[in-house]
């Protein structure tokens, strides 16, 4: 799966190229792809920030609500129940980097009083 993430701000457009073969070399027809799972993390962190399942044949999606900072997106493929390898899930794709262009900063203090 080839993957890109584009734009800037709180909404990332994530797009990919579907695989055309299984890891063993057999052809993987597009009709045998059921869905894609888009996963995003903070760069360098294994903690998943979010996931989104996209039904095939779509090959892009918009991920919204990315308030600040940088993210890394990956995509995995799931085959249909009637595919050569039914309900198989691929490894994660290469990571595509995305920057919102907004720096994260701490929230201001609360409960401030003066006397």
PDB file of N, CA and C in Angstrom:
ATOM      1  N   UNK A   1       0.854  -1.173   0.000  1.00  0.00           N
ATOM      2  CA  UNK A   1       0.000   0.000   0.000  1.00  0.00           C
ATOM      3  C   UNK A   1       0.896   1.230   0.000  1.00  0.00           C
ATOM      4  N   UNK A   2       0.690   2.113  -0.950  1.00  0.00           N
ATOM      5  CA  UNK A   2       1.398   3.387  -0.993  1.00  0.00           C
ATOM      6  C   UNK A   2       0.499   4.425  -0.345  1.00  0.00           C
ATOM      7  N   UNK A   3       1.050   5.281   0.504  1.00  0.00           N
ATOM      8  CA  UNK A   3       0.228   6.147   1.343  1.00  0.00           C
ATOM      9  C   UNK A   3       0.733   7.578   1.326  1.00  0.00           C
ATOM     10  N   UNK A   4      -0.205   8.550   1.308  1.00  0.00           N
ATOM     11  CA  UNK A   4       0.152   9.961   1.442  1.00  0.00           C
ATOM     12  C   UNK A   4      -0.845  10.640   2.372  1.00  0.00           C
ATOM     13  N   UNK A   5      -0.393  11.693   3.039  1.00  0.00           N
ATOM     14  CA  UNK A   5      -1.276  12.532   3.854  1.00  0.00           C
ATOM     15  C   UNK A   5      -1.009  13.964   3.424  1.00  0.00           C
ATOM     16  N   UNK A   6      -2.087  14.716   3.147  1.00  0.00           N
ATOM     17  CA  UNK A   6      -1.888  16.059   2.600  1.00  0.00           C
ATOM     18  C   UNK A   6      -2.776  17.087   3.279  1.00  0.00           C
ATOM     19  N   UNK A   7      -2.471  18.344   2.990  1.00  0.00           N
ATOM     20  CA  UNK A   7      -3.127  19.548   3.523  1.00  0.00           C
ATOM     21  C   UNK A   7      -2.461  19.938   4.831  1.00  0.00           C
ATOM     22  N   UNK A   8      -3.056  20.829   5.562  1.00  0.00           N
ATOM     23  CA  UNK A   8      -2.564  21.237   6.877  1.00  0.00           C
ATOM     24  C   UNK A   8      -3.769  21.698   7.671  1.00  0.00           C
ATOM     25  N   UNK A   9      -3.603  21.823   8.967  1.00  0.00           N
ATOM     26  CA  UNK A   9      -4.716  22.197   9.814  1.00  0.00           C
ATOM     27  C   UNK A   9      -5.328  20.973  10.462  1.00  0.00           C
ATOM     28  N   UNK A  10      -6.554  21.090  10.973  1.00  0.00           N
ATOM     29  CA  UNK A  10      -7.148  20.012  11.751  1.00  0.00           C
ATOM     30  C   UNK A  10      -7.694  18.846  10.932  1.00  0.00           C
ATOM     31  N   UNK A  11      -7.687  18.944   9.595  1.00  0.00           N
ATOM     32  CA  UNK A  11      -8.232  17.883   8.742  1.00  0.00           C
ATOM     33  C   UNK A  11      -7.175  17.368   7.781  1.00  0.00           C
ATOM     34  N   UNK A  12      -6.827  16.091   7.908  1.00  0.00           N
ATOM     35  CA  UNK A  12      -5.839  15.469   7.024  1.00  0.00           C
ATOM     36  C   UNK A  12      -6.552  14.613   5.990  1.00  0.00           C
ATOM     37  N   UNK A  13      -6.186  14.761   4.731  1.00  0.00           N
ATOM     38  CA  UNK A  13      -6.672  13.869   3.680  1.00  0.00           C
ATOM     39  C   UNK A  13      -5.641  12.769   3.522  1.00  0.00           C
ATOM     40  N   UNK A  14      -6.042  11.552   3.816  1.00  0.00           N
ATOM     41  CA  UNK A  14      -5.160  10.391   3.738  1.00  0.00           C
ATOM     42  C   UNK A  14      -5.595   9.567   2.529  1.00  0.00           C
ATOM     43  N   UNK A  15      -4.657   9.274   1.635  1.00  0.00           N
ATOM     44  CA  UNK A  15      -4.976   8.486   0.445  1.00  0.00           C
ATOM     45  C   UNK A  15      -3.925   7.411   0.248  1.00  0.00           C
ATOM     46  N   UNK A  16      -4.293   6.359  -0.476  1.00  0.00           N
ATOM     47  CA  UNK A  16      -3.399   5.223  -0.650  1.00  0.00           C
ATOM     48  C   UNK A  16      -3.684   4.531  -1.972  1.00  0.00           C
ATOM     49  N   UNK A  17      -2.738   3.690  -2.378  1.00  0.00           N
ATOM     50  CA  UNK A  17      -2.878   2.856  -3.566  1.00  0.00           C
ATOM     51  C   UNK A  17      -3.110   1.422  -3.093  1.00  0.00           C
ATOM     52  N   UNK A  18      -4.189   0.776  -3.526  1.00  0.00           N
ATOM     53  CA  UNK A  18      -4.474  -0.580  -3.054  1.00  0.00           C
ATOM     54  C   UNK A  18      -3.409  -1.573  -3.522  1.00  0.00           C
ATOM     55  N   UNK A  19      -3.157  -2.610  -2.722  1.00  0.00           N
ATOM     56  CA  UNK A  19      -2.236  -3.644  -3.169  1.00  0.00           C
ATOM     57  C   UNK A  19      -2.871  -4.454  -4.310  1.00  0.00           C
ATOM     58  N   UNK A  20      -2.042  -5.042  -5.142  1.00  0.00           N
ATOM     59  CA  UNK A  20      -2.538  -5.844  -6.265  1.00  0.00           C
ATOM     60  C   UNK A  20      -2.180  -7.314  -6.121  1.00  0.00           C
ATOM     61  N   UNK A  21      -1.485  -7.665  -5.023  1.00  0.00           N
ATOM     62  CA  UNK A  21      -1.086  -9.049  -4.809  1.00  0.00           C
ATOM     63  C   UNK A  21      -1.011  -9.355  -3.321  1.00  0.00           C
ATOM     64  N   UNK A  22      -1.120 -10.632  -3.009  1.00  0.00           N
ATOM     65  CA  UNK A  22      -0.873 -11.114  -1.652  1.00  0.00           C
ATOM     66  C   UNK A  22       0.635 -11.208  -1.451  1.00  0.00           C
ATOM     67  N   UNK A  23       1.082 -11.337  -0.204  1.00  0.00           N
ATOM     68  CA  UNK A  23       2.514 -11.452   0.066  1.00  0.00           C
ATOM     69  C   UNK A  23       3.112 -12.691  -0.596  1.00  0.00           C
ATOM     70  N   UNK A  24       2.316 -13.722  -0.847  1.00  0.00           N
ATOM     71  CA  UNK A  24       2.794 -14.943  -1.508  1.00  0.00           C
ATOM     72  C   UNK A  24       2.881 -14.830  -3.013  1.00  0.00           C
ATOM     73  N   UNK A  25       2.406 -13.704  -3.569  1.00  0.00           N
ATOM     74  CA  UNK A  25       2.506 -13.486  -5.005  1.00  0.00           C
ATOM     75  C   UNK A  25       1.214 -13.647  -5.783  1.00  0.00           C
ATOM     76  N   UNK A  26       0.202 -14.290  -5.206  1.00  0.00           N
ATOM     77  CA  UNK A  26      -1.076 -14.431  -5.909  1.00  0.00           C
ATOM     78  C   UNK A  26      -1.721 -13.064  -6.110  1.00  0.00           C
ATOM     79  N   UNK A  27      -2.430 -12.923  -7.230  1.00  0.00           N
ATOM     80  CA  UNK A  27      -3.118 -11.662  -7.529  1.00  0.00           C
ATOM     81  C   UNK A  27      -4.188 -11.374  -6.483  1.00  0.00           C
ATOM     82  N   UNK A  28      -4.338 -10.105  -6.149  1.00  0.00           N
ATOM     83  CA  UNK A  28      -5.380  -9.647  -5.225  1.00  0.00           C
ATOM     84  C   UNK A  28      -6.300  -8.701  -5.995  1.00  0.00           C
ATOM     85  N   UNK A  29      -7.425  -9.226  -6.526  1.00  0.00           N
ATOM     86  CA  UNK A  29      -8.356  -8.355  -7.252  1.00  0.00           C
ATOM     87  C   UNK A  29      -8.967  -7.309  -6.319  1.00  0.00           C
ATOM     88  N   UNK A  30      -9.242  -6.130  -6.844  1.00  0.00           N
ATOM     89  CA  UNK A  30      -9.857  -5.074  -6.037  1.00  0.00           C
ATOM     90  C   UNK A  30     -11.165  -5.535  -5.402  1.00  0.00           C
ATOM     91  N   UNK A  31     -11.899  -6.390  -6.098  1.00  0.00           N
ATOM     92  CA  UNK A  31     -13.175  -6.879  -5.579  1.00  0.00           C
ATOM     93  C   UNK A  31     -12.999  -7.727  -4.320  1.00  0.00           C
ATOM     94  N   UNK A  32     -11.779  -8.197  -4.056  1.00  0.00           N
ATOM     95  CA  UNK A  32     -11.510  -9.004  -2.865  1.00  0.00           C
ATOM     96  C   UNK A  32     -11.108  -8.173  -1.656  1.00  0.00           C
ATOM     97  N   UNK A  33     -11.020  -6.859  -1.815  1.00  0.00           N
ATOM     98  CA  UNK A  33     -10.687  -5.980  -0.697  1.00  0.00           C
ATOM     99  C   UNK A  33     -11.984  -5.469  -0.077  1.00  0.00           C
ATOM    100  N   UNK A  34     -12.165  -5.764   1.205  1.00  0.00           N
ATOM    101  CA  UNK A  34     -13.388  -5.353   1.905  1.00  0.00           C
ATOM    102  C   UNK A  34     -13.256  -3.952   2.489  1.00  0.00           C
ATOM    103  N   UNK A  35     -12.107  -3.683   3.131  1.00  0.00           N
ATOM    104  CA  UNK A  35     -11.961  -2.406   3.818  1.00  0.00           C
ATOM    105  C   UNK A  35     -10.496  -2.104   4.095  1.00  0.00           C
ATOM    106  N   UNK A  36     -10.282  -0.869   4.537  1.00  0.00           N
ATOM    107  CA  UNK A  36      -8.972  -0.395   4.947  1.00  0.00           C
ATOM    108  C   UNK A  36      -9.121   0.189   6.348  1.00  0.00           C
ATOM    109  N   UNK A  37      -8.136  -0.025   7.201  1.00  0.00           N
ATOM    110  CA  UNK A  37      -8.138   0.601   8.517  1.00  0.00           C
ATOM    111  C   UNK A  37      -7.012   1.619   8.559  1.00  0.00           C
ATOM    112  N   UNK A  38      -7.393   2.885   8.706  1.00  0.00           N
ATOM    113  CA  UNK A  38      -6.432   3.981   8.816  1.00  0.00           C
ATOM    114  C   UNK A  38      -6.144   4.165  10.301  1.00  0.00           C
ATOM    115  N   UNK A  39      -4.864   4.189  10.655  1.00  0.00           N
ATOM    116  CA  UNK A  39      -4.446   4.351  12.046  1.00  0.00           C
ATOM    117  C   UNK A  39      -3.515   5.548  12.137  1.00  0.00           C
ATOM    118  N   UNK A  40      -3.653   6.356  13.192  1.00  0.00           N
ATOM    119  CA  UNK A  40      -2.720   7.474  13.364  1.00  0.00           C
ATOM    120  C   UNK A  40      -2.160   7.497  14.774  1.00  0.00           C
ATOM    121  N   UNK A  41      -0.875   7.886  14.828  1.00  0.00           N
ATOM    122  CA  UNK A  41      -0.116   7.973  16.062  1.00  0.00           C
ATOM    123  C   UNK A  41       0.646   9.297  16.061  1.00  0.00           C
ATOM    124  N   UNK A  42       1.249   9.614  17.189  1.00  0.00           N
ATOM    125  CA  UNK A  42       2.213  10.713  17.237  1.00  0.00           C
ATOM    126  C   UNK A  42       3.536  10.125  16.766  1.00  0.00           C
ATOM    127  N   UNK A  43       4.326  10.844  15.975  1.00  0.00           N
ATOM    128  CA  UNK A  43       5.591  10.290  15.488  1.00  0.00           C
ATOM    129  C   UNK A  43       6.485   9.804  16.635  1.00  0.00           C
ATOM    130  N   UNK A  44       7.024   8.599  16.464  1.00  0.00           N
ATOM    131  CA  UNK A  44       7.911   8.032  17.464  1.00  0.00           C
ATOM    132  C   UNK A  44       7.203   7.369  18.639  1.00  0.00           C
ATOM    133  N   UNK A  45       5.886   7.384  18.632  1.00  0.00           N
ATOM    134  CA  UNK A  45       5.122   6.782  19.721  1.00  0.00           C
ATOM    135  C   UNK A  45       4.301   5.610  19.193  1.00  0.00           C
ATOM    136  N   UNK A  46       4.293   4.485  19.906  1.00  0.00           N
ATOM    137  CA  UNK A  46       3.465   3.356  19.467  1.00  0.00           C
ATOM    138  C   UNK A  46       1.997   3.504  19.871  1.00  0.00           C
ATOM    139  N   UNK A  47       1.681   4.502  20.699  1.00  0.00           N
ATOM    140  CA  UNK A  47       0.311   4.683  21.179  1.00  0.00           C
ATOM    141  C   UNK A  47      -0.591   5.176  20.050  1.00  0.00           C
ATOM    142  N   UNK A  48      -1.663   4.447  19.804  1.00  0.00           N
ATOM    143  CA  UNK A  48      -2.609   4.812  18.752  1.00  0.00           C
ATOM    144  C   UNK A  48      -3.472   5.968  19.223  1.00  0.00           C
ATOM    145  N   UNK A  49      -3.511   7.032  18.415  1.00  0.00           N
ATOM    146  CA  UNK A  49      -4.354   8.191  18.707  1.00  0.00           C
ATOM    147  C   UNK A  49      -5.772   7.927  18.208  1.00  0.00           C
ATOM    148  N   UNK A  50      -5.894   7.283  17.031  1.00  0.00           N
ATOM    149  CA  UNK A  50      -7.210   6.997  16.484  1.00  0.00           C
ATOM    150  C   UNK A  50      -7.143   6.016  15.332  1.00  0.00           C
ATOM    151  N   UNK A  51      -8.306   5.464  14.997  1.00  0.00           N
ATOM    152  CA  UNK A  51      -8.442   4.581  13.837  1.00  0.00           C
ATOM    153  C   UNK A  51      -9.746   4.912  13.125  1.00  0.00           C
ATOM    154  N   UNK A  52      -9.777   4.605  11.843  1.00  0.00           N
ATOM    155  CA  UNK A  52     -10.982   4.820  11.044  1.00  0.00           C
ATOM    156  C   UNK A  52     -11.049   3.715   9.991  1.00  0.00           C
ATOM    157  N   UNK A  53     -12.165   3.003   9.937  1.00  0.00           N
ATOM    158  CA  UNK A  53     -12.359   1.957   8.937  1.00  0.00           C
ATOM    159  C   UNK A  53     -13.028   2.573   7.717  1.00  0.00           C
ATOM    160  N   UNK A  54     -12.433   2.331   6.550  1.00  0.00           N
ATOM    161  CA  UNK A  54     -12.936   2.868   5.284  1.00  0.00           C
ATOM    162  C   UNK A  54     -13.317   1.694   4.396  1.00  0.00           C
ATOM    163  N   UNK A  55     -14.566   1.665   3.968  1.00  0.00           N
ATOM    164  CA  UNK A  55     -15.049   0.578   3.117  1.00  0.00           C
ATOM    165  C   UNK A  55     -14.515   0.728   1.699  1.00  0.00           C
ATOM    166  N   UNK A  56     -13.996  -0.377   1.147  1.00  0.00           N
ATOM    167  CA  UNK A  56     -13.549  -0.382  -0.252  1.00  0.00           C
ATOM    168  C   UNK A  56     -14.781  -0.203  -1.141  1.00  0.00           C
ATOM    169  N   UNK A  57     -14.675   0.415  -2.288  1.00  0.00           N
ATOM    170  CA  UNK A  57     -13.464   0.688  -3.052  1.00  0.00           C
ATOM    171  C   UNK A  57     -12.813   2.049  -2.775  1.00  0.00           C
ATOM    172  N   UNK A  58     -13.280   2.785  -1.767  1.00  0.00           N
ATOM    173  CA  UNK A  58     -12.680   4.093  -1.466  1.00  0.00           C
ATOM    174  C   UNK A  58     -11.188   3.928  -1.199  1.00  0.00           C
ATOM    175  N   UNK A  59     -10.390   4.885  -1.668  1.00  0.00           N
ATOM    176  CA  UNK A  59      -8.941   4.847  -1.453  1.00  0.00           C
ATOM    177  C   UNK A  59      -8.439   6.164  -0.847  1.00  0.00           C
ATOM    178  N   UNK A  60      -9.324   6.850  -0.132  1.00  0.00           N
ATOM    179  CA  UNK A  60      -8.929   8.044   0.611  1.00  0.00           C
ATOM    180  C   UNK A  60      -9.998   8.332   1.652  1.00  0.00           C
ATOM    181  N   UNK A  61      -9.606   9.135   2.627  1.00  0.00           N
ATOM    182  CA  UNK A  61     -10.545   9.556   3.658  1.00  0.00           C
ATOM    183  C   UNK A  61     -10.013  10.833   4.288  1.00  0.00           C
ATOM    184  N   UNK A  62     -10.896  11.574   4.924  1.00  0.00           N
ATOM    185  CA  UNK A  62     -10.504  12.764   5.668  1.00  0.00           C
ATOM    186  C   UNK A  62     -10.575  12.417   7.149  1.00  0.00           C
ATOM    187  N   UNK A  63      -9.474  12.663   7.842  1.00  0.00           N
ATOM    188  CA  UNK A  63      -9.420  12.483   9.291  1.00  0.00           C
ATOM    189  C   UNK A  63      -9.477  13.879   9.899  1.00  0.00           C
ATOM    190  N   UNK A  64     -10.499  14.126  10.705  1.00  0.00           N
ATOM    191  CA  UNK A  64     -10.682  15.461  11.274  1.00  0.00           C
ATOM    192  C   UNK A  64     -10.410  15.446  12.774  1.00  0.00           C
ATOM    193  N   UNK A  65     -10.338  16.631  13.346  1.00  0.00           N
ATOM    194  CA  UNK A  65     -10.140  16.764  14.777  1.00  0.00           C
ATOM    195  C   UNK A  65      -8.689  16.695  15.222  1.00  0.00           C
ATOM    196  N   UNK A  66      -7.761  16.925  14.302  1.00  0.00           N
ATOM    197  CA  UNK A  66      -6.331  16.920  14.641  1.00  0.00           C
ATOM    198  C   UNK A  66      -5.974  18.327  15.101  1.00  0.00           C
ATOM    199  N   UNK A  67      -6.074  18.570  16.378  1.00  0.00           N
ATOM    200  CA  UNK A  67      -5.998  19.919  16.932  1.00  0.00           C
ATOM    201  C   UNK A  67      -4.628  20.569  16.740  1.00  0.00           C
ATOM    202  N   UNK A  68      -3.561  19.835  17.060  1.00  0.00           N
ATOM    203  CA  UNK A  68      -2.230  20.428  16.974  1.00  0.00           C
ATOM    204  C   UNK A  68      -1.173  19.341  16.850  1.00  0.00           C
ATOM    205  N   UNK A  69       0.014  19.742  16.401  1.00  0.00           N
ATOM    206  CA  UNK A  69       1.143  18.818  16.367  1.00  0.00           C
ATOM    207  C   UNK A  69       1.261  18.020  15.090  1.00  0.00           C
ATOM    208  N   UNK A  70       2.059  16.952  15.178  1.00  0.00           N
ATOM    209  CA  UNK A  70       2.363  16.092  14.042  1.00  0.00           C
ATOM    210  C   UNK A  70       1.781  14.705  14.263  1.00  0.00           C
ATOM    211  N   UNK A  71       1.468  14.040  13.163  1.00  0.00           N
ATOM    212  CA  UNK A  71       0.885  12.708  13.221  1.00  0.00           C
ATOM    213  C   UNK A  71       1.529  11.824  12.166  1.00  0.00           C
ATOM    214  N   UNK A  72       1.469  10.516  12.380  1.00  0.00           N
ATOM    215  CA  UNK A  72       1.923   9.536  11.406  1.00  0.00           C
ATOM    216  C   UNK A  72       0.745   8.615  11.102  1.00  0.00           C
ATOM    217  N   UNK A  73       0.426   8.467   9.815  1.00  0.00           N
ATOM    218  CA  UNK A  73      -0.701   7.644   9.382  1.00  0.00           C
ATOM    219  C   UNK A  73      -0.210   6.357   8.735  1.00  0.00           C
ATOM    220  N   UNK A  74      -0.898   5.248   9.015  1.00  0.00           N
ATOM    221  CA  UNK A  74      -0.655   3.982   8.331  1.00  0.00           C
ATOM    222  C   UNK A  74      -2.000   3.401   7.925  1.00  0.00           C
ATOM    223  N   UNK A  75      -1.968   2.455   6.977  1.00  0.00           N
ATOM    224  CA  UNK A  75      -3.200   1.814   6.502  1.00  0.00           C
ATOM    225  C   UNK A  75      -2.965   0.304   6.422  1.00  0.00           C
ATOM    226  N   UNK A  76      -3.974  -0.462   6.812  1.00  0.00           N
ATOM    227  CA  UNK A  76      -3.961  -1.920   6.654  1.00  0.00           C
ATOM    228  C   UNK A  76      -5.173  -2.319   5.824  1.00  0.00           C
ATOM    229  N   UNK A  77      -5.055  -3.420   5.108  1.00  0.00           N
ATOM    230  CA  UNK A  77      -6.111  -3.918   4.223  1.00  0.00           C
ATOM    231  C   UNK A  77      -6.764  -5.154   4.841  1.00  0.00           C
ATOM    232  N   UNK A  78      -8.091  -5.273   4.697  1.00  0.00           N
ATOM    233  CA  UNK A  78      -8.808  -6.498   5.081  1.00  0.00           C
ATOM    234  C   UNK A  78      -9.499  -7.033   3.836  1.00  0.00           C
ATOM    235  N   UNK A  79      -9.350  -8.344   3.606  1.00  0.00           N
ATOM    236  CA  UNK A  79      -9.991  -8.955   2.446  1.00  0.00           C
ATOM    237  C   UNK A  79     -11.420  -9.372   2.785  1.00  0.00           C
ATOM    238  N   UNK A  80     -12.185  -9.671   1.747  1.00  0.00           N
ATOM    239  CA  UNK A  80     -13.573 -10.103   1.916  1.00  0.00           C
ATOM    240  C   UNK A  80     -13.620 -11.547   2.412  1.00  0.00           C
ATOM    241  N   UNK A  81     -14.806 -11.975   2.798  1.00  0.00           N
ATOM    242  CA  UNK A  81     -14.984 -13.359   3.263  1.00  0.00           C
ATOM    243  C   UNK A  81     -14.893 -14.366   2.127  1.00  0.00           C
ATOM    244  N   UNK A  82     -14.972 -13.892   0.879  1.00  0.00           N
ATOM    245  CA  UNK A  82     -14.913 -14.799  -0.277  1.00  0.00           C
ATOM    246  C   UNK A  82     -13.593 -14.694  -1.040  1.00  0.00           C
ATOM    247  N   UNK A  83     -12.639 -13.954  -0.523  1.00  0.00           N
ATOM    248  CA  UNK A  83     -11.345 -13.778  -1.183  1.00  0.00           C
ATOM    249  C   UNK A  83     -10.536 -15.070  -1.131  1.00  0.00           C
ATOM    250  N   UNK A  84      -9.474 -15.132  -1.928  1.00  0.00           N
ATOM    251  CA  UNK A  84      -8.564 -16.275  -1.920  1.00  0.00           C
ATOM    252  C   UNK A  84      -8.074 -16.550  -0.498  1.00  0.00           C
ATOM    253  N   UNK A  85      -7.727 -15.493   0.230  1.00  0.00           N
ATOM    254  CA  UNK A  85      -7.374 -15.567   1.654  1.00  0.00           C
ATOM    255  C   UNK A  85      -8.452 -14.787   2.401  1.00  0.00           C
ATOM    256  N   UNK A  86      -9.535 -15.466   2.833  1.00  0.00           N
ATOM    257  CA  UNK A  86     -10.681 -14.756   3.409  1.00  0.00           C
ATOM    258  C   UNK A  86     -10.372 -14.059   4.738  1.00  0.00           C
ATOM    259  N   UNK A  87     -10.905 -12.851   4.858  1.00  0.00           N
ATOM    260  CA  UNK A  87     -10.801 -12.053   6.082  1.00  0.00           C
ATOM    261  C   UNK A  87      -9.365 -11.864   6.563  1.00  0.00           C
ATOM    262  N   UNK A  88      -8.437 -11.853   5.628  1.00  0.00           N
ATOM    263  CA  UNK A  88      -7.030 -11.652   5.978  1.00  0.00           C
ATOM    264  C   UNK A  88      -6.759 -10.162   6.178  1.00  0.00           C
ATOM    265  N   UNK A  89      -5.874  -9.843   7.114  1.00  0.00           N
ATOM    266  CA  UNK A  89      -5.504  -8.456   7.395  1.00  0.00           C
ATOM    267  C   UNK A  89      -4.012  -8.300   7.119  1.00  0.00           C
ATOM    268  N   UNK A  90      -3.685  -7.284   6.351  1.00  0.00           N
ATOM    269  CA  UNK A  90      -2.287  -7.020   6.015  1.00  0.00           C
ATOM    270  C   UNK A  90      -1.546  -6.411   7.192  1.00  0.00           C
ATOM    271  N   UNK A  91      -0.227  -6.350   7.063  1.00  0.00           N
ATOM    272  CA  UNK A  91       0.572  -5.544   7.981  1.00  0.00           C
ATOM    273  C   UNK A  91       0.251  -4.076   7.698  1.00  0.00           C
ATOM    274  N   UNK A  92       0.665  -3.199   8.594  1.00  0.00           N
ATOM    275  CA  UNK A  92       0.494  -1.759   8.382  1.00  0.00           C
ATOM    276  C   UNK A  92       1.380  -1.301   7.228  1.00  0.00           C
ATOM    277  N   UNK A  93       0.921  -0.316   6.491  1.00  0.00           N
ATOM    278  CA  UNK A  93       1.690   0.277   5.398  1.00  0.00           C
ATOM    279  C   UNK A  93       2.853   1.095   5.943  1.00  0.00           C
ATOM    280  N   UNK A  94       3.599   1.660   5.021  1.00  0.00           N
ATOM    281  CA  UNK A  94       4.584   2.669   5.405  1.00  0.00           C
ATOM    282  C   UNK A  94       3.840   3.824   6.081  1.00  0.00           C
ATOM    283  N   UNK A  95       4.536   4.598   6.888  1.00  0.00           N
ATOM    284  CA  UNK A  95       3.914   5.731   7.572  1.00  0.00           C
ATOM    285  C   UNK A  95       4.013   6.986   6.712  1.00  0.00           C
ATOM    286  N   UNK A  96       2.937   7.745   6.692  1.00  0.00           N
ATOM    287  CA  UNK A  96       2.910   9.049   6.022  1.00  0.00           C
ATOM    288  C   UNK A  96       2.834  10.116   7.103  1.00  0.00           C
ATOM    289  N   UNK A  97       3.745  11.062   7.053  1.00  0.00           N
ATOM    290  CA  UNK A  97       3.797  12.128   8.054  1.00  0.00           C
ATOM    291  C   UNK A  97       2.805  13.235   7.718  1.00  0.00           C
ATOM    292  N   UNK A  98       2.250  13.844   8.761  1.00  0.00           N
ATOM    293  CA  UNK A  98       1.311  14.950   8.593  1.00  0.00           C
ATOM    294  C   UNK A  98       1.551  15.966   9.700  1.00  0.00           C
ATOM    295  N   UNK A  99       1.622  17.226   9.354  1.00  0.00           N
ATOM    296  CA  UNK A  99       1.793  18.313  10.328  1.00  0.00           C
ATOM    297  C   UNK A  99       0.598  19.245  10.248  1.00  0.00           C
ATOM    298  N   UNK A 100      -0.026  19.506  11.383  1.00  0.00           N
ATOM    299  CA  UNK A 100      -1.177  20.415  11.406  1.00  0.00           C
ATOM    300  C   UNK A 100      -0.753  21.856  11.186  1.00  0.00           C
ATOM    301  N   UNK A 101       0.509  22.158  11.496  1.00  0.00           N
ATOM    302  CA  UNK A 101       0.977  23.535  11.397  1.00  0.00           C
ATOM    303  C   UNK A 101       0.641  24.353  12.634  1.00  0.00           C
ATOM    304  N   UNK A 102       0.064  23.709  13.638  1.00  0.00           N
ATOM    305  CA  UNK A 102      -0.286  24.376  14.884  1.00  0.00           C
ATOM    306  C   UNK A 102       0.495  23.706  16.007  1.00  0.00           C
ATOM    307  N   UNK A 103       1.294  24.484  16.735  1.00  0.00           N
ATOM    308  CA  UNK A 103       2.076  23.935  17.840  1.00  0.00           C
ATOM    309  C   UNK A 103       1.171  23.629  19.032  1.00  0.00           C
ATOM    310  N   UNK A 104       1.414  22.497  19.670  1.00  0.00           N
ATOM    311  CA  UNK A 104       0.685  22.164  20.894  1.00  0.00           C
ATOM    312  C   UNK A 104       1.326  22.918  22.053  1.00  0.00           C
ATOM    313  N   UNK A 105       0.497  23.383  22.966  1.00  0.00           N
ATOM    314  CA  UNK A 105       1.010  24.086  24.143  1.00  0.00           C
ATOM    315  C   UNK A 105       0.132  23.726  25.327  1.00  0.00           C
ATOM    316  N   UNK A 106       0.617  23.948  26.538  1.00  0.00           N
ATOM    317  CA  UNK A 106      -0.188  23.596  27.706  1.00  0.00           C
ATOM    318  C   UNK A 106      -1.409  24.504  27.847  1.00  0.00           C
ATOM    319  N   UNK A 107      -2.436  23.965  28.485  1.00  0.00           N
ATOM    320  CA  UNK A 107      -3.591  24.786  28.834  1.00  0.00           C
ATOM    321  C   UNK A 107      -3.168  25.768  29.918  1.00  0.00           C
ATOM    322  N   UNK A 108      -3.846  26.907  30.020  1.00  0.00           N
ATOM    323  CA  UNK A 108      -3.495  27.867  31.083  1.00  0.00           C
ATOM    324  C   UNK A 108      -3.916  27.331  32.454  1.00  0.00           C
ATOM    325  N   UNK A 109      -3.301  27.860  33.518  1.00  0.00           N
ATOM    326  CA  UNK A 109      -3.679  27.449  34.871  1.00  0.00           C
ATOM    327  C   UNK A 109      -5.136  27.827  35.159  1.00  0.00           C
ATOM    328  N   UNK A 110      -5.720  27.106  36.093  1.00  0.00           N
ATOM    329  CA  UNK A 110      -7.083  27.398  36.530  1.00  0.00           C
ATOM    330  C   UNK A 110      -7.074  27.698  38.030  1.00  0.00           C
ATOM    331  N   UNK A 111      -8.163  28.173  38.539  1.00  0.00           N
ATOM    332  CA  UNK A 111      -8.307  28.420  39.967  1.00  0.00           C
ATOM    333  C   UNK A 111      -7.444  29.563  40.474  1.00  0.00           C
ATOM    334  N   UNK A 112      -7.133  30.504  39.615  1.00  0.00           N
ATOM    335  CA  UNK A 112      -6.292  31.633  40.014  1.00  0.00           C
ATOM    336  C   UNK A 112      -7.088  32.558  40.932  1.00  0.00           C
ATOM    337  N   UNK A 113      -6.498  32.933  42.041  1.00  0.00           N
ATOM    338  CA  UNK A 113      -7.147  33.864  42.979  1.00  0.00           C
ATOM    339  C   UNK A 113      -6.169  34.980  43.347  1.00  0.00           C
ATOM    340  N   UNK A 114      -6.696  36.038  43.805  1.00  0.00           N
ATOM    341  CA  UNK A 114      -5.880  37.152  44.325  1.00  0.00           C
ATOM    342  C   UNK A 114      -6.496  37.611  45.626  1.00  0.00           C
ATOM    343  N   UNK A 115      -5.648  37.945  46.604  1.00  0.00           N
ATOM    344  CA  UNK A 115      -6.202  38.403  47.896  1.00  0.00           C
ATOM    345  C   UNK A 115      -5.391  39.566  48.423  1.00  0.00           C
TER     346      UNK A 115
END
